[in-house]
Amino acid sequence: IPAYPYGPALLYKQSNRGLYGGTRIHFGNNVSKRTETHTRRSWKPNILNKSLYSVALRKMVKLRVSARVLRTIDKSGGLDEYLLKDKENRVKELGELGWKLRWRLMQEESVRERLRLEALALGL
């Protein structure tokens, strides 16, 4: 497996073990209405344990996925389409686990054939 080009997440290491989409813990203040006292607090990302079906691998894949990434997976047409998109921001938000899954998908013959046909359509 080639090394993930953006390296592991150092601030929110938990995101290396799932598809978090670049989300991390946010910090801020609760402000009381009467005295305007500031109390420090944090907002954690909405992480779900899900089994998603991969068409190319022909099996269910258990993942820790943020709710935002789950919506993006639905919009893009499934787990395989989400992982195979080539945009720089998508590759950045995959993280280490997503990068490994993407590499695994690209080893499947059906995906290789699809990528070959796309390259031919572009004239490459």
N, C-alpha and C. Protein backbone atom coordinates (compact mmCIF):
# COMPACT_ATOMS: atom_id res chain seq x y z
N ILE A 1 0.86 -1.18 0.00
CA ILE A 1 0.00 0.00 0.00
C ILE A 1 0.89 1.23 0.00
N PRO A 2 0.67 2.16 -0.93
CA PRO A 2 1.47 3.39 -0.91
C PRO A 2 1.14 4.23 0.32
N ALA A 3 2.09 5.03 0.75
CA ALA A 3 1.89 5.86 1.94
C ALA A 3 0.83 6.91 1.66
N TYR A 4 0.01 7.21 2.67
CA TYR A 4 -1.01 8.25 2.56
C TYR A 4 -0.31 9.60 2.40
N PRO A 5 -0.60 10.35 1.33
CA PRO A 5 0.18 11.56 1.02
C PRO A 5 0.08 12.66 2.06
N TYR A 6 -0.96 12.66 2.88
CA TYR A 6 -1.13 13.75 3.86
C TYR A 6 -0.75 13.34 5.27
N GLY A 7 -0.30 12.11 5.45
CA GLY A 7 0.15 11.64 6.75
C GLY A 7 -0.98 11.45 7.74
N PRO A 8 -0.68 10.87 8.90
CA PRO A 8 -1.73 10.62 9.90
C PRO A 8 -2.18 11.92 10.56
N ALA A 9 -3.41 11.92 11.04
CA ALA A 9 -3.93 13.07 11.79
C ALA A 9 -3.24 13.08 13.15
N LEU A 10 -2.63 14.18 13.50
CA LEU A 10 -1.91 14.27 14.77
C LEU A 10 -2.74 14.89 15.88
N LEU A 11 -3.70 15.75 15.53
CA LEU A 11 -4.50 16.42 16.56
C LEU A 11 -5.66 15.56 17.03
N TYR A 12 -6.30 14.87 16.13
CA TYR A 12 -7.48 14.06 16.46
C TYR A 12 -7.23 12.66 15.94
N LYS A 13 -6.42 11.89 16.66
CA LYS A 13 -5.90 10.61 16.19
C LYS A 13 -6.99 9.58 15.94
N GLN A 14 -8.12 9.74 16.60
CA GLN A 14 -9.24 8.82 16.43
C GLN A 14 -9.70 8.81 14.97
N SER A 15 -9.53 9.93 14.26
CA SER A 15 -10.00 10.03 12.88
C SER A 15 -9.17 9.19 11.92
N ASN A 16 -8.04 8.64 12.36
CA ASN A 16 -7.24 7.76 11.51
C ASN A 16 -7.90 6.38 11.37
N ARG A 17 -8.88 6.08 12.22
CA ARG A 17 -9.49 4.75 12.23
C ARG A 17 -10.90 4.73 11.64
N GLY A 18 -11.24 5.73 10.84
CA GLY A 18 -12.57 5.75 10.24
C GLY A 18 -12.67 6.82 9.18
N LEU A 19 -13.87 6.96 8.63
CA LEU A 19 -14.13 8.00 7.64
C LEU A 19 -14.78 9.19 8.35
N TYR A 20 -13.96 10.13 8.79
CA TYR A 20 -14.45 11.26 9.57
C TYR A 20 -14.64 12.50 8.71
N GLY A 21 -14.14 12.50 7.49
CA GLY A 21 -14.33 13.62 6.59
C GLY A 21 -13.66 14.91 7.05
N GLY A 22 -12.59 14.81 7.81
CA GLY A 22 -11.88 15.99 8.26
C GLY A 22 -12.49 16.65 9.48
N THR A 23 -13.57 16.10 10.03
CA THR A 23 -14.18 16.71 11.22
C THR A 23 -13.36 16.36 12.44
N ARG A 24 -13.36 17.24 13.41
CA ARG A 24 -12.67 17.00 14.67
C ARG A 24 -13.44 17.68 15.78
N ILE A 25 -12.97 17.58 17.00
CA ILE A 25 -13.63 18.20 18.14
C ILE A 25 -13.48 19.72 18.02
N HIS A 26 -14.60 20.44 18.20
CA HIS A 26 -14.58 21.89 18.22
C HIS A 26 -14.71 22.38 19.66
N PHE A 27 -14.08 23.48 19.95
CA PHE A 27 -14.12 24.04 21.28
C PHE A 27 -14.74 25.42 21.25
N GLY A 28 -15.38 25.79 22.35
CA GLY A 28 -15.98 27.12 22.45
C GLY A 28 -16.46 27.36 23.86
N ASN A 29 -17.40 28.26 24.02
CA ASN A 29 -17.89 28.63 25.34
C ASN A 29 -19.40 28.55 25.39
N ASN A 30 -19.91 28.13 26.56
CA ASN A 30 -21.30 28.35 26.91
C ASN A 30 -21.34 29.70 27.59
N VAL A 31 -22.26 30.55 27.20
CA VAL A 31 -22.37 31.89 27.81
C VAL A 31 -23.72 31.97 28.48
N SER A 32 -23.72 32.24 29.81
CA SER A 32 -24.98 32.36 30.53
C SER A 32 -25.67 33.65 30.13
N LYS A 33 -27.00 33.60 30.09
CA LYS A 33 -27.77 34.76 29.64
C LYS A 33 -27.76 35.90 30.66
N ARG A 34 -27.83 35.54 31.94
CA ARG A 34 -27.98 36.57 32.96
C ARG A 34 -26.66 37.26 33.29
N THR A 35 -25.62 36.47 33.59
CA THR A 35 -24.35 37.07 34.03
C THR A 35 -23.27 37.05 32.96
N GLU A 36 -23.57 36.44 31.81
CA GLU A 36 -22.62 36.32 30.71
C GLU A 36 -21.31 35.65 31.13
N THR A 37 -21.40 34.68 32.04
CA THR A 37 -20.25 33.90 32.45
C THR A 37 -19.90 32.91 31.35
N HIS A 38 -18.62 32.81 31.03
CA HIS A 38 -18.17 31.89 30.00
C HIS A 38 -17.72 30.58 30.63
N THR A 39 -18.26 29.47 30.14
CA THR A 39 -17.85 28.14 30.57
C THR A 39 -17.35 27.39 29.35
N ARG A 40 -16.13 26.87 29.43
CA ARG A 40 -15.52 26.18 28.29
C ARG A 40 -16.25 24.87 28.02
N ARG A 41 -16.46 24.54 26.76
CA ARG A 41 -17.10 23.28 26.39
C ARG A 41 -16.59 22.82 25.04
N SER A 42 -16.99 21.60 24.65
CA SER A 42 -16.54 21.06 23.35
C SER A 42 -17.72 20.40 22.64
N TRP A 43 -17.61 20.35 21.30
CA TRP A 43 -18.59 19.69 20.46
C TRP A 43 -17.88 18.55 19.73
N LYS A 44 -18.35 17.33 19.94
CA LYS A 44 -17.73 16.18 19.30
C LYS A 44 -18.46 15.86 18.00
N PRO A 45 -17.74 15.32 17.00
CA PRO A 45 -18.42 14.95 15.75
C PRO A 45 -19.38 13.78 15.97
N ASN A 46 -20.40 13.73 15.14
CA ASN A 46 -21.42 12.69 15.22
C ASN A 46 -20.90 11.45 14.49
N ILE A 47 -20.33 10.52 15.25
CA ILE A 47 -19.71 9.32 14.68
C ILE A 47 -20.63 8.11 14.87
N LEU A 48 -20.82 7.35 13.79
CA LEU A 48 -21.69 6.18 13.81
C LEU A 48 -20.90 4.95 13.39
N ASN A 49 -21.21 3.82 13.97
CA ASN A 49 -20.65 2.54 13.52
C ASN A 49 -21.61 1.97 12.49
N LYS A 50 -21.16 1.85 11.25
CA LYS A 50 -22.03 1.41 10.17
C LYS A 50 -21.37 0.30 9.37
N SER A 51 -22.19 -0.55 8.79
CA SER A 51 -21.73 -1.53 7.81
C SER A 51 -22.23 -1.07 6.45
N LEU A 52 -21.31 -0.78 5.56
CA LEU A 52 -21.66 -0.30 4.23
C LEU A 52 -21.26 -1.34 3.20
N TYR A 53 -22.09 -1.49 2.17
CA TYR A 53 -21.84 -2.50 1.15
C TYR A 53 -20.94 -1.93 0.06
N SER A 54 -19.89 -2.68 -0.28
CA SER A 54 -19.02 -2.33 -1.37
C SER A 54 -19.34 -3.24 -2.56
N VAL A 55 -19.73 -2.63 -3.67
CA VAL A 55 -20.11 -3.41 -4.86
C VAL A 55 -18.89 -4.11 -5.44
N ALA A 56 -17.77 -3.40 -5.52
CA ALA A 56 -16.56 -3.97 -6.13
C ALA A 56 -16.00 -5.13 -5.29
N LEU A 57 -16.03 -4.97 -3.97
CA LEU A 57 -15.50 -6.03 -3.08
C LEU A 57 -16.53 -7.13 -2.83
N ARG A 58 -17.82 -6.84 -3.14
CA ARG A 58 -18.92 -7.78 -2.93
C ARG A 58 -19.04 -8.21 -1.48
N LYS A 59 -18.92 -7.25 -0.56
CA LYS A 59 -19.11 -7.58 0.86
C LYS A 59 -19.40 -6.32 1.67
N MET A 60 -19.88 -6.55 2.89
CA MET A 60 -20.14 -5.44 3.81
C MET A 60 -18.83 -5.05 4.48
N VAL A 61 -18.63 -3.74 4.65
CA VAL A 61 -17.42 -3.22 5.29
C VAL A 61 -17.85 -2.45 6.53
N LYS A 62 -17.37 -2.87 7.71
CA LYS A 62 -17.69 -2.18 8.96
C LYS A 62 -16.79 -0.98 9.12
N LEU A 63 -17.40 0.20 9.34
CA LEU A 63 -16.64 1.44 9.43
C LEU A 63 -17.19 2.33 10.54
N ARG A 64 -16.34 3.21 11.01
CA ARG A 64 -16.78 4.32 11.86
C ARG A 64 -16.89 5.52 10.92
N VAL A 65 -18.10 6.05 10.77
CA VAL A 65 -18.37 7.07 9.77
C VAL A 65 -19.06 8.25 10.45
N SER A 66 -18.65 9.48 10.08
CA SER A 66 -19.38 10.65 10.58
C SER A 66 -20.67 10.78 9.80
N ALA A 67 -21.68 11.41 10.41
CA ALA A 67 -22.98 11.57 9.77
C ALA A 67 -22.85 12.39 8.48
N ARG A 68 -21.96 13.36 8.47
CA ARG A 68 -21.76 14.19 7.28
C ARG A 68 -21.19 13.35 6.13
N VAL A 69 -20.24 12.47 6.42
CA VAL A 69 -19.67 11.61 5.38
C VAL A 69 -20.70 10.60 4.90
N LEU A 70 -21.56 10.14 5.79
CA LEU A 70 -22.61 9.20 5.40
C LEU A 70 -23.55 9.84 4.38
N ARG A 71 -23.89 11.11 4.58
CA ARG A 71 -24.72 11.83 3.61
C ARG A 71 -23.99 12.00 2.29
N THR A 72 -22.69 12.26 2.36
CA THR A 72 -21.90 12.43 1.14
C THR A 72 -21.82 11.10 0.38
N ILE A 73 -21.70 10.00 1.10
CA ILE A 73 -21.66 8.67 0.46
C ILE A 73 -22.98 8.42 -0.28
N ASP A 74 -24.10 8.77 0.35
CA ASP A 74 -25.40 8.60 -0.31
C ASP A 74 -25.50 9.47 -1.56
N LYS A 75 -25.03 10.71 -1.46
CA LYS A 75 -25.10 11.62 -2.61
C LYS A 75 -24.24 11.14 -3.77
N SER A 76 -23.05 10.61 -3.45
CA SER A 76 -22.13 10.22 -4.52
C SER A 76 -22.48 8.87 -5.14
N GLY A 77 -23.41 8.13 -4.56
CA GLY A 77 -23.86 6.88 -5.18
C GLY A 77 -23.30 5.62 -4.57
N GLY A 78 -22.81 5.68 -3.35
CA GLY A 78 -22.34 4.49 -2.67
C GLY A 78 -20.90 4.63 -2.20
N LEU A 79 -20.48 3.66 -1.42
CA LEU A 79 -19.15 3.69 -0.81
C LEU A 79 -18.05 3.68 -1.86
N ASP A 80 -18.19 2.86 -2.89
CA ASP A 80 -17.15 2.77 -3.92
C ASP A 80 -16.96 4.10 -4.64
N GLU A 81 -18.06 4.75 -5.00
CA GLU A 81 -17.98 6.03 -5.71
C GLU A 81 -17.34 7.09 -4.82
N TYR A 82 -17.68 7.07 -3.53
CA TYR A 82 -17.11 8.04 -2.59
C TYR A 82 -15.59 7.86 -2.49
N LEU A 83 -15.14 6.62 -2.38
CA LEU A 83 -13.71 6.36 -2.19
C LEU A 83 -12.90 6.60 -3.46
N LEU A 84 -13.49 6.41 -4.62
CA LEU A 84 -12.74 6.49 -5.87
C LEU A 84 -12.68 7.88 -6.49
N LYS A 85 -13.38 8.85 -5.92
CA LYS A 85 -13.34 10.19 -6.49
C LYS A 85 -11.93 10.76 -6.39
N ASP A 86 -11.46 11.42 -7.47
CA ASP A 86 -10.07 11.83 -7.56
C ASP A 86 -9.77 13.25 -7.10
N LYS A 87 -10.74 14.01 -6.67
CA LYS A 87 -10.49 15.39 -6.26
C LYS A 87 -9.57 15.43 -5.04
N GLU A 88 -8.74 16.48 -4.98
CA GLU A 88 -7.75 16.59 -3.91
C GLU A 88 -8.41 16.67 -2.53
N ASN A 89 -9.50 17.43 -2.42
CA ASN A 89 -10.17 17.55 -1.12
C ASN A 89 -10.75 16.23 -0.65
N ARG A 90 -11.26 15.42 -1.59
CA ARG A 90 -11.81 14.12 -1.20
C ARG A 90 -10.71 13.22 -0.67
N VAL A 91 -9.55 13.22 -1.34
CA VAL A 91 -8.44 12.37 -0.89
C VAL A 91 -7.96 12.85 0.48
N LYS A 92 -7.98 14.16 0.70
CA LYS A 92 -7.57 14.71 1.99
C LYS A 92 -8.49 14.26 3.12
N GLU A 93 -9.79 14.23 2.85
CA GLU A 93 -10.73 13.89 3.91
C GLU A 93 -10.88 12.39 4.13
N LEU A 94 -10.30 11.57 3.27
CA LEU A 94 -10.39 10.11 3.46
C LEU A 94 -9.69 9.65 4.72
N GLY A 95 -8.52 10.20 5.00
CA GLY A 95 -7.74 9.73 6.14
C GLY A 95 -7.02 8.44 5.80
N GLU A 96 -6.32 7.89 6.77
CA GLU A 96 -5.51 6.69 6.51
C GLU A 96 -6.36 5.47 6.20
N LEU A 97 -7.43 5.25 6.95
CA LEU A 97 -8.26 4.07 6.71
C LEU A 97 -8.95 4.16 5.34
N GLY A 98 -9.45 5.33 5.00
CA GLY A 98 -10.08 5.52 3.70
C GLY A 98 -9.10 5.32 2.57
N TRP A 99 -7.84 5.75 2.77
CA TRP A 99 -6.81 5.57 1.77
C TRP A 99 -6.54 4.08 1.54
N LYS A 100 -6.50 3.30 2.62
CA LYS A 100 -6.28 1.85 2.49
C LYS A 100 -7.45 1.17 1.78
N LEU A 101 -8.68 1.59 2.12
CA LEU A 101 -9.85 1.03 1.45
C LEU A 101 -9.85 1.38 -0.03
N ARG A 102 -9.47 2.61 -0.35
CA ARG A 102 -9.40 3.05 -1.75
C ARG A 102 -8.39 2.21 -2.52
N TRP A 103 -7.22 1.97 -1.91
CA TRP A 103 -6.20 1.16 -2.56
C TRP A 103 -6.71 -0.26 -2.80
N ARG A 104 -7.41 -0.81 -1.80
CA ARG A 104 -7.97 -2.16 -1.91
C ARG A 104 -8.98 -2.23 -3.06
N LEU A 105 -9.81 -1.20 -3.17
CA LEU A 105 -10.79 -1.15 -4.27
C LEU A 105 -10.09 -1.11 -5.62
N MET A 106 -9.03 -0.33 -5.72
CA MET A 106 -8.34 -0.16 -6.99
C MET A 106 -7.62 -1.43 -7.44
N GLN A 107 -7.48 -2.41 -6.56
CA GLN A 107 -6.87 -3.68 -6.93
C GLN A 107 -7.87 -4.63 -7.58
N GLU A 108 -9.16 -4.34 -7.45
CA GLU A 108 -10.19 -5.19 -8.04
C GLU A 108 -10.21 -5.01 -9.56
N GLU A 109 -10.40 -6.10 -10.27
CA GLU A 109 -10.36 -6.07 -11.73
C GLU A 109 -11.50 -5.24 -12.32
N SER A 110 -12.68 -5.30 -11.71
CA SER A 110 -13.81 -4.52 -12.24
C SER A 110 -13.54 -3.02 -12.15
N VAL A 111 -12.90 -2.58 -11.08
CA VAL A 111 -12.58 -1.16 -10.92
C VAL A 111 -11.48 -0.77 -11.90
N ARG A 112 -10.49 -1.63 -12.07
CA ARG A 112 -9.41 -1.34 -13.02
C ARG A 112 -9.95 -1.18 -14.44
N GLU A 113 -10.87 -2.06 -14.82
CA GLU A 113 -11.46 -1.98 -16.15
C GLU A 113 -12.25 -0.68 -16.32
N ARG A 114 -12.99 -0.31 -15.28
CA ARG A 114 -13.75 0.94 -15.33
C ARG A 114 -12.83 2.15 -15.48
N LEU A 115 -11.74 2.17 -14.74
CA LEU A 115 -10.79 3.27 -14.83
C LEU A 115 -10.11 3.31 -16.20
N ARG A 116 -9.85 2.12 -16.78
CA ARG A 116 -9.28 2.05 -18.12
C ARG A 116 -10.22 2.66 -19.16
N LEU A 117 -11.50 2.33 -19.05
CA LEU A 117 -12.49 2.86 -19.99
C LEU A 117 -12.65 4.37 -19.84
N GLU A 118 -12.60 4.89 -18.61
CA GLU A 118 -12.66 6.33 -18.39
C GLU A 118 -11.46 7.03 -19.00
N ALA A 119 -10.28 6.42 -18.87
CA ALA A 119 -9.07 7.01 -19.45
C ALA A 119 -9.15 7.03 -20.98
N LEU A 120 -9.69 5.96 -21.57
CA LEU A 120 -9.84 5.91 -23.02
C LEU A 120 -10.83 6.98 -23.49
N ALA A 121 -11.90 7.19 -22.72
CA ALA A 121 -12.89 8.19 -23.10
C ALA A 121 -12.28 9.59 -23.07
N LEU A 122 -11.32 9.80 -22.18
CA LEU A 122 -10.64 11.10 -22.11
C LEU A 122 -9.52 11.22 -23.12
N GLY A 123 -9.20 10.14 -23.80
CA GLY A 123 -8.14 10.15 -24.80
C GLY A 123 -6.76 9.97 -24.23
N LEU A 124 -6.66 9.32 -23.09
CA LEU A 124 -5.36 9.08 -22.47
C LEU A 124 -4.84 7.69 -22.77
